[in-house]
All heavy atoms as atom14 arrays in JSON, in Angstrom:
{
  "sequence": "ESIVTAITYGRTMTRTIQKFLMFQLSVNVSMLILSIISMFFGIKEVF",
  "atom14_mask": [
    [1, 1, 1, 1, 1, 1, 1, 1, 1, 0, 0, 0, 0, 0],
    [1, 1, 1, 1, 1, 1, 0, 0, 0, 0, 0, 0, 0, 0],
    [1, 1, 1, 1, 1, 1, 1, 1, 0, 0, 0, 0, 0, 0],
    [1, 1, 1, 1, 1, 1, 1, 0, 0, 0, 0, 0, 0, 0],
    [1, 1, 1, 1, 1, 1, 1, 0, 0, 0, 0, 0, 0, 0],
    [1, 1, 1, 1, 1, 0, 0, 0, 0, 0, 0, 0, 0, 0],
    [1, 1, 1, 1, 1, 1, 1, 1, 0, 0, 0, 0, 0, 0],
    [1, 1, 1, 1, 1, 1, 1, 0, 0, 0, 0, 0, 0, 0],
    [1, 1, 1, 1, 1, 1, 1, 1, 1, 1, 1, 1, 0, 0],
    [1, 1, 1, 1, 0, 0, 0, 0, 0, 0, 0, 0, 0, 0],
    [1, 1, 1, 1, 1, 1, 1, 1, 1, 1, 1, 0, 0, 0],
    [1, 1, 1, 1, 1, 1, 1, 0, 0, 0, 0, 0, 0, 0],
    [1, 1, 1, 1, 1, 1, 1, 1, 0, 0, 0, 0, 0, 0],
    [1, 1, 1, 1, 1, 1, 1, 0, 0, 0, 0, 0, 0, 0],
    [1, 1, 1, 1, 1, 1, 1, 1, 1, 1, 1, 0, 0, 0],
    [1, 1, 1, 1, 1, 1, 1, 0, 0, 0, 0, 0, 0, 0],
    [1, 1, 1, 1, 1, 1, 1, 1, 0, 0, 0, 0, 0, 0],
    [1, 1, 1, 1, 1, 1, 1, 1, 1, 0, 0, 0, 0, 0],
    [1, 1, 1, 1, 1, 1, 1, 1, 1, 0, 0, 0, 0, 0],
    [1, 1, 1, 1, 1, 1, 1, 1, 1, 1, 1, 0, 0, 0],
    [1, 1, 1, 1, 1, 1, 1, 1, 0, 0, 0, 0, 0, 0],
    [1, 1, 1, 1, 1, 1, 1, 1, 0, 0, 0, 0, 0, 0],
    [1, 1, 1, 1, 1, 1, 1, 1, 1, 1, 1, 0, 0, 0],
    [1, 1, 1, 1, 1, 1, 1, 1, 1, 0, 0, 0, 0, 0],
    [1, 1, 1, 1, 1, 1, 1, 1, 0, 0, 0, 0, 0, 0],
    [1, 1, 1, 1, 1, 1, 0, 0, 0, 0, 0, 0, 0, 0],
    [1, 1, 1, 1, 1, 1, 1, 0, 0, 0, 0, 0, 0, 0],
    [1, 1, 1, 1, 1, 1, 1, 1, 0, 0, 0, 0, 0, 0],
    [1, 1, 1, 1, 1, 1, 1, 0, 0, 0, 0, 0, 0, 0],
    [1, 1, 1, 1, 1, 1, 0, 0, 0, 0, 0, 0, 0, 0],
    [1, 1, 1, 1, 1, 1, 1, 1, 0, 0, 0, 0, 0, 0],
    [1, 1, 1, 1, 1, 1, 1, 1, 0, 0, 0, 0, 0, 0],
    [1, 1, 1, 1, 1, 1, 1, 1, 0, 0, 0, 0, 0, 0],
    [1, 1, 1, 1, 1, 1, 1, 1, 0, 0, 0, 0, 0, 0],
    [1, 1, 1, 1, 1, 1, 0, 0, 0, 0, 0, 0, 0, 0],
    [1, 1, 1, 1, 1, 1, 1, 1, 0, 0, 0, 0, 0, 0],
    [1, 1, 1, 1, 1, 1, 1, 1, 0, 0, 0, 0, 0, 0],
    [1, 1, 1, 1, 1, 1, 0, 0, 0, 0, 0, 0, 0, 0],
    [1, 1, 1, 1, 1, 1, 1, 1, 0, 0, 0, 0, 0, 0],
    [1, 1, 1, 1, 1, 1, 1, 1, 1, 1, 1, 0, 0, 0],
    [1, 1, 1, 1, 1, 1, 1, 1, 1, 1, 1, 0, 0, 0],
    [1, 1, 1, 1, 0, 0, 0, 0, 0, 0, 0, 0, 0, 0],
    [1, 1, 1, 1, 1, 1, 1, 1, 0, 0, 0, 0, 0, 0],
    [1, 1, 1, 1, 1, 1, 1, 1, 1, 0, 0, 0, 0, 0],
    [1, 1, 1, 1, 1, 1, 1, 1, 1, 0, 0, 0, 0, 0],
    [1, 1, 1, 1, 1, 1, 1, 0, 0, 0, 0, 0, 0, 0],
    [1, 1, 1, 1, 1, 1, 1, 1, 1, 1, 1, 0, 0, 0]
  ],
  "atom14_positions": [
    [[-8.26, -43.21, -26.62], [-8.76, -41.8, -26.46], [-8.24, -41.29, -25.07], [-8.21, -40.15, -24.89], [-10.29, -41.85, -26.53], [-10.72, -40.5, -26.59], [-12.28, -40.49, -26.94], [-12.77, -41.59, -27.21], [-12.85, -39.4, -27.05], [0.0, 0.0, 0.0], [0.0, 0.0, 0.0], [0.0, 0.0, 0.0], [0.0, 0.0, 0.0], [0.0, 0.0, 0.0]],
    [[-8.0, -42.22, -24.1], [-7.55, -41.69, -22.85], [-6.2, -41.09, -22.92], [-5.74, -40.29, -22.12], [-7.58, -42.91, -21.78], [-8.88, -43.24, -21.53], [0.0, 0.0, 0.0], [0.0, 0.0, 0.0], [0.0, 0.0, 0.0], [0.0, 0.0, 0.0], [0.0, 0.0, 0.0], [0.0, 0.0, 0.0], [0.0, 0.0, 0.0], [0.0, 0.0, 0.0]],
    [[-5.41, -41.62, -23.84], [-4.02, -41.0, -24.15], [-4.17, -39.63, -24.66], [-3.29, -38.72, -24.15], [-3.28, -41.95, -25.07], [-3.0, -43.35, -24.5], [-1.89, -41.31, -25.43], [-2.28, -44.34, -25.38], [0.0, 0.0, 0.0], [0.0, 0.0, 0.0], [0.0, 0.0, 0.0], [0.0, 0.0, 0.0], [0.0, 0.0, 0.0], [0.0, 0.0, 0.0]],
    [[-5.23, -39.43, -25.44], [-5.35, -38.05, -26.03], [-5.76, -37.17, -24.82], [-5.3, -36.01, -24.77], [-6.47, -38.09, -27.1], [-6.73, -36.68, -27.63], [-6.21, -39.02, -28.2], [0.0, 0.0, 0.0], [0.0, 0.0, 0.0], [0.0, 0.0, 0.0], [0.0, 0.0, 0.0], [0.0, 0.0, 0.0], [0.0, 0.0, 0.0], [0.0, 0.0, 0.0]],
    [[-6.57, -37.6, -23.98], [-6.88, -36.84, -22.84], [-5.71, -36.51, -21.96], [-5.58, -35.31, -21.56], [-8.04, -37.56, -21.94], [-9.17, -37.81, -22.78], [-8.44, -36.77, -20.81], [0.0, 0.0, 0.0], [0.0, 0.0, 0.0], [0.0, 0.0, 0.0], [0.0, 0.0, 0.0], [0.0, 0.0, 0.0], [0.0, 0.0, 0.0], [0.0, 0.0, 0.0]],
    [[-4.78, -37.48, -21.76], [-3.66, -37.23, -20.9], [-2.74, -36.2, -21.61], [-2.17, -35.34, -20.99], [-2.8, -38.52, -20.8], [0.0, 0.0, 0.0], [0.0, 0.0, 0.0], [0.0, 0.0, 0.0], [0.0, 0.0, 0.0], [0.0, 0.0, 0.0], [0.0, 0.0, 0.0], [0.0, 0.0, 0.0], [0.0, 0.0, 0.0], [0.0, 0.0, 0.0]],
    [[-2.58, -36.27, -22.94], [-1.73, -35.2, -23.73], [-2.37, -33.89, -23.6], [-1.63, -32.91, -23.33], [-1.72, -35.58, -25.23], [-1.01, -36.98, -25.4], [-1.08, -34.56, -26.05], [-1.05, -37.55, -26.85], [0.0, 0.0, 0.0], [0.0, 0.0, 0.0], [0.0, 0.0, 0.0], [0.0, 0.0, 0.0], [0.0, 0.0, 0.0], [0.0, 0.0, 0.0]],
    [[-3.8, -33.8, -23.67], [-4.38, -32.57, -23.52], [-4.13, -31.82, -22.12], [-3.81, -30.68, -21.91], [-5.91, -32.66, -23.58], [-6.13, -33.34, -25.01], [-6.52, -31.15, -23.68], [0.0, 0.0, 0.0], [0.0, 0.0, 0.0], [0.0, 0.0, 0.0], [0.0, 0.0, 0.0], [0.0, 0.0, 0.0], [0.0, 0.0, 0.0], [0.0, 0.0, 0.0]],
    [[-4.3, -32.75, -21.03], [-4.03, -32.22, -19.74], [-2.58, -31.91, -19.53], [-2.23, -30.93, -18.75], [-4.56, -33.23, -18.7], [-6.02, -33.07, -18.36], [-7.0, -33.75, -19.05], [-6.41, -32.19, -17.38], [-8.28, -33.65, -18.79], [-7.72, -32.03, -17.11], [-8.7, -32.77, -17.83], [-9.99, -32.55, -17.52], [0.0, 0.0, 0.0], [0.0, 0.0, 0.0]],
    [[-1.64, -32.72, -20.08], [-0.25, -32.36, -19.98], [0.09, -31.03, -20.58], [0.85, -30.17, -20.02], [0.0, 0.0, 0.0], [0.0, 0.0, 0.0], [0.0, 0.0, 0.0], [0.0, 0.0, 0.0], [0.0, 0.0, 0.0], [0.0, 0.0, 0.0], [0.0, 0.0, 0.0], [0.0, 0.0, 0.0], [0.0, 0.0, 0.0], [0.0, 0.0, 0.0]],
    [[-0.43, -30.82, -21.81], [-0.03, -29.55, -22.39], [-0.79, -28.42, -21.67], [-0.31, -27.23, -21.49], [-0.55, -29.59, -23.84], [0.21, -30.54, -24.59], [0.06, -30.45, -26.17], [0.9, -31.42, -26.84], [0.99, -31.43, -28.11], [0.21, -30.65, -28.81], [1.8, -32.44, -28.69], [0.0, 0.0, 0.0], [0.0, 0.0, 0.0], [0.0, 0.0, 0.0]],
    [[-1.92, -28.67, -20.99], [-2.64, -27.65, -20.23], [-1.83, -27.29, -19.0], [-1.67, -26.05, -18.7], [-4.0, -28.12, -19.77], [-4.83, -28.45, -20.92], [-4.7, -27.07, -18.92], [0.0, 0.0, 0.0], [0.0, 0.0, 0.0], [0.0, 0.0, 0.0], [0.0, 0.0, 0.0], [0.0, 0.0, 0.0], [0.0, 0.0, 0.0], [0.0, 0.0, 0.0]],
    [[-1.16, -28.21, -18.42], [-0.24, -27.99, -17.21], [0.87, -27.14, -17.61], [1.31, -26.23, -16.97], [0.25, -29.41, -16.69], [-0.78, -30.16, -15.91], [-0.18, -31.7, -15.3], [1.12, -31.08, -14.22], [0.0, 0.0, 0.0], [0.0, 0.0, 0.0], [0.0, 0.0, 0.0], [0.0, 0.0, 0.0], [0.0, 0.0, 0.0], [0.0, 0.0, 0.0]],
    [[1.4, -27.39, -18.78], [2.59, -26.55, -19.34], [2.21, -25.06, -19.49], [2.84, -24.24, -19.15], [3.11, -27.19, -20.67], [3.52, -28.5, -20.49], [4.24, -26.26, -21.23], [0.0, 0.0, 0.0], [0.0, 0.0, 0.0], [0.0, 0.0, 0.0], [0.0, 0.0, 0.0], [0.0, 0.0, 0.0], [0.0, 0.0, 0.0], [0.0, 0.0, 0.0]],
    [[0.92, -25.04, -20.18], [0.48, -23.65, -20.38], [0.14, -23.0, -19.08], [0.41, -21.8, -18.98], [-0.8, -23.72, -21.27], [-0.63, -24.12, -22.73], [0.49, -23.12, -23.33], [0.68, -23.5, -24.68], [0.09, -22.88, -25.69], [-0.87, -22.05, -25.47], [0.38, -23.19, -26.96], [0.0, 0.0, 0.0], [0.0, 0.0, 0.0], [0.0, 0.0, 0.0]],
    [[-0.44, -23.71, -18.06], [-0.68, -23.07, -16.78], [0.51, -22.53, -16.09], [0.51, -21.58, -15.51], [-1.51, -24.11, -15.99], [-2.65, -24.53, -16.62], [-1.8, -23.54, -14.56], [0.0, 0.0, 0.0], [0.0, 0.0, 0.0], [0.0, 0.0, 0.0], [0.0, 0.0, 0.0], [0.0, 0.0, 0.0], [0.0, 0.0, 0.0], [0.0, 0.0, 0.0]],
    [[1.51, -23.45, -16.19], [2.79, -22.99, -15.46], [3.26, -21.82, -16.24], [3.83, -20.88, -15.51], [3.86, -24.16, -15.65], [3.49, -25.38, -14.7], [5.24, -23.69, -15.22], [4.29, -26.57, -14.95], [0.0, 0.0, 0.0], [0.0, 0.0, 0.0], [0.0, 0.0, 0.0], [0.0, 0.0, 0.0], [0.0, 0.0, 0.0], [0.0, 0.0, 0.0]],
    [[3.23, -21.73, -17.56], [3.72, -20.41, -18.2], [2.94, -19.22, -17.91], [3.46, -18.21, -17.72], [3.63, -20.72, -19.75], [4.54, -21.81, -20.25], [4.4, -22.01, -21.83], [3.37, -21.91, -22.25], [5.5, -22.36, -22.43], [0.0, 0.0, 0.0], [0.0, 0.0, 0.0], [0.0, 0.0, 0.0], [0.0, 0.0, 0.0], [0.0, 0.0, 0.0]],
    [[1.66, -19.46, -17.73], [0.77, -18.37, -17.26], [1.1, -17.8, -15.94], [1.33, -16.53, -15.67], [-0.69, -18.7, -17.33], [-1.33, -19.08, -18.6], [-2.74, -19.63, -18.5], [-3.36, -19.92, -19.86], [-4.66, -20.54, -19.79], [0.0, 0.0, 0.0], [0.0, 0.0, 0.0], [0.0, 0.0, 0.0], [0.0, 0.0, 0.0], [0.0, 0.0, 0.0]],
    [[1.31, -18.76, -15.03], [1.75, -18.27, -13.68], [3.07, -17.71, -13.62], [3.29, -16.74, -12.94], [1.77, -19.62, -12.82], [2.17, -19.32, -11.4], [1.27, -18.57, -10.49], [3.32, -19.64, -10.9], [1.6, -18.36, -9.16], [3.73, -19.44, -9.41], [2.86, -18.81, -8.67], [0.0, 0.0, 0.0], [0.0, 0.0, 0.0], [0.0, 0.0, 0.0]],
    [[4.11, -18.21, -14.42], [5.36, -17.53, -14.54], [5.32, -16.12, -15.08], [5.87, -15.24, -14.57], [6.35, -18.39, -15.37], [6.88, -19.61, -14.72], [7.64, -20.42, -15.74], [7.72, -19.38, -13.46], [0.0, 0.0, 0.0], [0.0, 0.0, 0.0], [0.0, 0.0, 0.0], [0.0, 0.0, 0.0], [0.0, 0.0, 0.0], [0.0, 0.0, 0.0]],
    [[4.45, -15.9, -16.06], [4.39, -14.58, -16.62], [3.81, -13.65, -15.57], [4.13, -12.54, -15.38], [3.33, -14.55, -17.82], [4.08, -15.21, -19.07], [2.93, -14.93, -20.54], [1.79, -16.2, -20.19], [0.0, 0.0, 0.0], [0.0, 0.0, 0.0], [0.0, 0.0, 0.0], [0.0, 0.0, 0.0], [0.0, 0.0, 0.0], [0.0, 0.0, 0.0]],
    [[2.75, -14.15, -14.85], [2.22, -13.3, -13.77], [3.25, -13.05, -12.62], [3.4, -11.89, -12.18], [1.01, -14.08, -13.11], [0.37, -13.51, -12.02], [-0.46, -12.4, -11.93], [0.67, -13.91, -10.62], [-1.0, -11.85, -10.93], [0.14, -13.41, -9.56], [-0.66, -12.29, -9.69], [0.0, 0.0, 0.0], [0.0, 0.0, 0.0], [0.0, 0.0, 0.0]],
    [[3.86, -14.08, -12.13], [4.77, -13.81, -11.01], [5.96, -13.1, -11.35], [6.42, -12.19, -10.62], [5.15, -15.29, -10.5], [5.92, -15.23, -9.21], [6.24, -16.65, -8.76], [6.85, -17.45, -9.5], [5.87, -16.96, -7.53], [0.0, 0.0, 0.0], [0.0, 0.0, 0.0], [0.0, 0.0, 0.0], [0.0, 0.0, 0.0], [0.0, 0.0, 0.0]],
    [[6.61, -13.44, -12.59], [7.87, -12.7, -12.9], [7.57, -11.17, -13.18], [8.52, -10.29, -13.04], [8.44, -13.25, -14.13], [9.09, -14.68, -13.79], [9.65, -15.36, -15.1], [10.15, -14.55, -12.75], [0.0, 0.0, 0.0], [0.0, 0.0, 0.0], [0.0, 0.0, 0.0], [0.0, 0.0, 0.0], [0.0, 0.0, 0.0], [0.0, 0.0, 0.0]],
    [[6.35, -10.82, -13.68], [6.11, -9.44, -13.83], [6.07, -8.76, -12.58], [6.64, -7.58, -12.55], [4.57, -9.26, -14.47], [4.62, -9.93, -15.73], [0.0, 0.0, 0.0], [0.0, 0.0, 0.0], [0.0, 0.0, 0.0], [0.0, 0.0, 0.0], [0.0, 0.0, 0.0], [0.0, 0.0, 0.0], [0.0, 0.0, 0.0], [0.0, 0.0, 0.0]],
    [[5.69, -9.24, -11.52], [5.7, -8.72, -10.21], [7.22, -8.62, -9.63], [7.69, -7.67, -9.33], [4.8, -9.52, -9.17], [4.99, -8.82, -7.8], [3.47, -9.64, -9.72], [0.0, 0.0, 0.0], [0.0, 0.0, 0.0], [0.0, 0.0, 0.0], [0.0, 0.0, 0.0], [0.0, 0.0, 0.0], [0.0, 0.0, 0.0], [0.0, 0.0, 0.0]],
    [[7.88, -9.75, -9.94], [9.24, -9.72, -9.36], [10.14, -8.73, -10.2], [10.99, -7.99, -9.48], [9.91, -11.07, -9.61], [9.34, -12.1, -8.6], [8.98, -11.77, -7.49], [9.36, -13.41, -8.89], [0.0, 0.0, 0.0], [0.0, 0.0, 0.0], [0.0, 0.0, 0.0], [0.0, 0.0, 0.0], [0.0, 0.0, 0.0], [0.0, 0.0, 0.0]],
    [[10.08, -8.7, -11.43], [10.84, -7.73, -12.22], [10.58, -6.25, -11.88], [11.39, -5.47, -11.63], [10.64, -8.0, -13.67], [11.29, -6.86, -14.6], [11.13, -9.25, -14.12], [0.0, 0.0, 0.0], [0.0, 0.0, 0.0], [0.0, 0.0, 0.0], [0.0, 0.0, 0.0], [0.0, 0.0, 0.0], [0.0, 0.0, 0.0], [0.0, 0.0, 0.0]],
    [[9.21, -5.96, -11.64], [8.77, -4.65, -11.27], [9.32, -4.28, -9.87], [9.88, -3.17, -9.8], [7.25, -4.45, -11.26], [6.66, -4.91, -12.56], [0.0, 0.0, 0.0], [0.0, 0.0, 0.0], [0.0, 0.0, 0.0], [0.0, 0.0, 0.0], [0.0, 0.0, 0.0], [0.0, 0.0, 0.0], [0.0, 0.0, 0.0], [0.0, 0.0, 0.0]],
    [[9.28, -5.15, -8.96], [9.74, -4.84, -7.65], [11.26, -4.6, -7.63], [11.82, -3.83, -6.96], [9.36, -5.98, -6.6], [7.97, -5.95, -6.42], [7.6, -7.24, -5.11], [8.11, -6.48, -3.68], [0.0, 0.0, 0.0], [0.0, 0.0, 0.0], [0.0, 0.0, 0.0], [0.0, 0.0, 0.0], [0.0, 0.0, 0.0], [0.0, 0.0, 0.0]],
    [[12.0, -5.42, -8.43], [13.44, -5.3, -8.6], [13.79, -3.99, -9.2], [14.67, -3.19, -8.59], [13.95, -6.45, -9.4], [15.49, -6.48, -9.77], [16.29, -6.5, -8.38], [15.94, -7.46, -10.69], [0.0, 0.0, 0.0], [0.0, 0.0, 0.0], [0.0, 0.0, 0.0], [0.0, 0.0, 0.0], [0.0, 0.0, 0.0], [0.0, 0.0, 0.0]],
    [[13.18, -3.6, -10.21], [13.49, -2.29, -10.89], [13.14, -1.12, -9.88], [13.94, -0.15, -9.81], [12.62, -2.22, -12.2], [13.08, -3.27, -13.25], [12.88, -0.84, -12.76], [12.41, -3.27, -14.42], [0.0, 0.0, 0.0], [0.0, 0.0, 0.0], [0.0, 0.0, 0.0], [0.0, 0.0, 0.0], [0.0, 0.0, 0.0], [0.0, 0.0, 0.0]],
    [[12.07, -1.17, -9.3], [11.62, -0.16, -8.39], [12.63, -0.06, -7.14], [12.91, 1.13, -6.72], [10.2, -0.5, -7.71], [8.97, -0.17, -8.7], [7.69, -0.62, -8.11], [9.03, 1.21, -9.0], [0.0, 0.0, 0.0], [0.0, 0.0, 0.0], [0.0, 0.0, 0.0], [0.0, 0.0, 0.0], [0.0, 0.0, 0.0], [0.0, 0.0, 0.0]],
    [[13.13, -1.18, -6.71], [14.13, -1.17, -5.63], [15.4, -0.33, -6.02], [16.02, 0.42, -5.28], [14.46, -2.54, -5.19], [13.39, -3.24, -4.67], [0.0, 0.0, 0.0], [0.0, 0.0, 0.0], [0.0, 0.0, 0.0], [0.0, 0.0, 0.0], [0.0, 0.0, 0.0], [0.0, 0.0, 0.0], [0.0, 0.0, 0.0], [0.0, 0.0, 0.0]],
    [[15.83, -0.59, -7.27], [16.98, 0.12, -7.87], [16.67, 1.6, -8.17], [17.42, 2.39, -7.65], [17.43, -0.69, -9.24], [17.83, -2.05, -8.93], [18.5, 0.14, -9.84], [18.07, -2.78, -10.15], [0.0, 0.0, 0.0], [0.0, 0.0, 0.0], [0.0, 0.0, 0.0], [0.0, 0.0, 0.0], [0.0, 0.0, 0.0], [0.0, 0.0, 0.0]],
    [[15.44, 1.9, -8.79], [15.23, 3.25, -8.96], [15.07, 4.07, -7.72], [15.49, 5.29, -7.62], [13.98, 3.38, -9.85], [14.19, 2.69, -11.19], [13.51, 4.71, -9.94], [13.0, 2.71, -12.26], [0.0, 0.0, 0.0], [0.0, 0.0, 0.0], [0.0, 0.0, 0.0], [0.0, 0.0, 0.0], [0.0, 0.0, 0.0], [0.0, 0.0, 0.0]],
    [[14.43, 3.39, -6.63], [14.16, 4.14, -5.47], [15.52, 4.74, -4.89], [15.38, 5.76, -4.12], [13.53, 3.23, -4.53], [14.3, 2.14, -4.08], [0.0, 0.0, 0.0], [0.0, 0.0, 0.0], [0.0, 0.0, 0.0], [0.0, 0.0, 0.0], [0.0, 0.0, 0.0], [0.0, 0.0, 0.0], [0.0, 0.0, 0.0], [0.0, 0.0, 0.0]],
    [[16.56, 4.08, -5.02], [17.9, 4.51, -4.49], [18.21, 6.0, -5.04], [18.73, 6.8, -4.33], [18.99, 3.65, -4.78], [18.87, 2.31, -4.11], [20.26, 1.18, -4.19], [20.22, 0.9, -6.0], [0.0, 0.0, 0.0], [0.0, 0.0, 0.0], [0.0, 0.0, 0.0], [0.0, 0.0, 0.0], [0.0, 0.0, 0.0], [0.0, 0.0, 0.0]],
    [[17.77, 6.2, -6.18], [18.11, 7.54, -6.87], [17.22, 8.58, -6.32], [17.53, 9.87, -6.46], [17.88, 7.4, -8.4], [19.0, 6.52, -9.02], [18.58, 5.29, -9.32], [20.24, 6.99, -9.36], [19.56, 4.39, -9.91], [21.19, 6.13, -9.85], [20.77, 4.83, -10.23], [0.0, 0.0, 0.0], [0.0, 0.0, 0.0], [0.0, 0.0, 0.0]],
    [[16.09, 8.24, -5.77], [15.23, 9.16, -5.15], [15.37, 9.32, -3.5], [14.74, 9.96, -2.94], [13.88, 8.78, -5.39], [13.36, 8.92, -6.88], [13.45, 7.9, -7.66], [12.88, 10.19, -7.33], [13.1, 8.04, -8.99], [12.66, 10.26, -8.64], [12.57, 9.21, -9.51], [0.0, 0.0, 0.0], [0.0, 0.0, 0.0], [0.0, 0.0, 0.0]],
    [[16.46, 8.62, -3.12], [16.66, 8.65, -1.66], [15.68, 7.98, -0.85], [15.65, 8.18, 0.46], [0.0, 0.0, 0.0], [0.0, 0.0, 0.0], [0.0, 0.0, 0.0], [0.0, 0.0, 0.0], [0.0, 0.0, 0.0], [0.0, 0.0, 0.0], [0.0, 0.0, 0.0], [0.0, 0.0, 0.0], [0.0, 0.0, 0.0], [0.0, 0.0, 0.0]],
    [[14.88, 6.88, -1.47], [13.89, 6.22, -0.81], [14.5, 4.96, -0.32], [15.0, 4.18, -1.14], [12.72, 5.92, -1.7], [12.06, 7.32, -2.06], [11.66, 5.01, -0.84], [10.94, 7.07, -3.05], [0.0, 0.0, 0.0], [0.0, 0.0, 0.0], [0.0, 0.0, 0.0], [0.0, 0.0, 0.0], [0.0, 0.0, 0.0], [0.0, 0.0, 0.0]],
    [[14.54, 4.68, 1.0], [15.34, 3.55, 1.55], [14.5, 2.22, 1.05], [15.1, 1.18, 0.74], [15.38, 3.49, 3.03], [16.28, 4.62, 3.48], [16.42, 4.62, 5.02], [17.36, 5.63, 5.56], [17.5, 5.65, 6.99], [0.0, 0.0, 0.0], [0.0, 0.0, 0.0], [0.0, 0.0, 0.0], [0.0, 0.0, 0.0], [0.0, 0.0, 0.0]],
    [[13.27, 2.22, 1.21], [12.45, 1.07, 0.84], [11.15, 1.47, 0.13], [10.43, 2.35, 0.66], [12.2, 0.05, 1.87], [11.61, 0.82, 3.1], [11.24, -0.21, 4.25], [12.11, -1.14, 4.36], [10.48, 0.0, 5.05], [0.0, 0.0, 0.0], [0.0, 0.0, 0.0], [0.0, 0.0, 0.0], [0.0, 0.0, 0.0], [0.0, 0.0, 0.0]],
    [[10.82, 0.95, -1.09], [9.62, 1.26, -1.68], [8.4, 0.66, -0.93], [7.4, 1.38, -0.71], [9.55, 0.64, -3.14], [8.26, 0.99, -3.88], [10.82, 1.04, -3.98], [0.0, 0.0, 0.0], [0.0, 0.0, 0.0], [0.0, 0.0, 0.0], [0.0, 0.0, 0.0], [0.0, 0.0, 0.0], [0.0, 0.0, 0.0], [0.0, 0.0, 0.0]],
    [[8.42, -0.55, -0.42], [7.46, -1.17, 0.29], [7.96, -1.68, 1.7], [9.24, -2.08, 1.71], [6.91, -2.45, -0.44], [6.25, -1.95, -1.75], [6.78, -2.46, -2.95], [5.24, -1.22, -1.89], [6.29, -2.16, -4.25], [4.45, -0.94, -3.12], [5.15, -1.34, -4.31], [0.0, 0.0, 0.0], [0.0, 0.0, 0.0], [0.0, 0.0, 0.0]]
  ]
}
């Protein structure tokens, strides 16, 4: 049964990493797009 527990925690780690990547990449992609778009508005830096 301890092996089952290990499998459960292993898959939880995978899901947690995926959640964190979705959160982090959403921010990165948004900042990248904003940096590109800002050039068309003559804004040197968004942030």
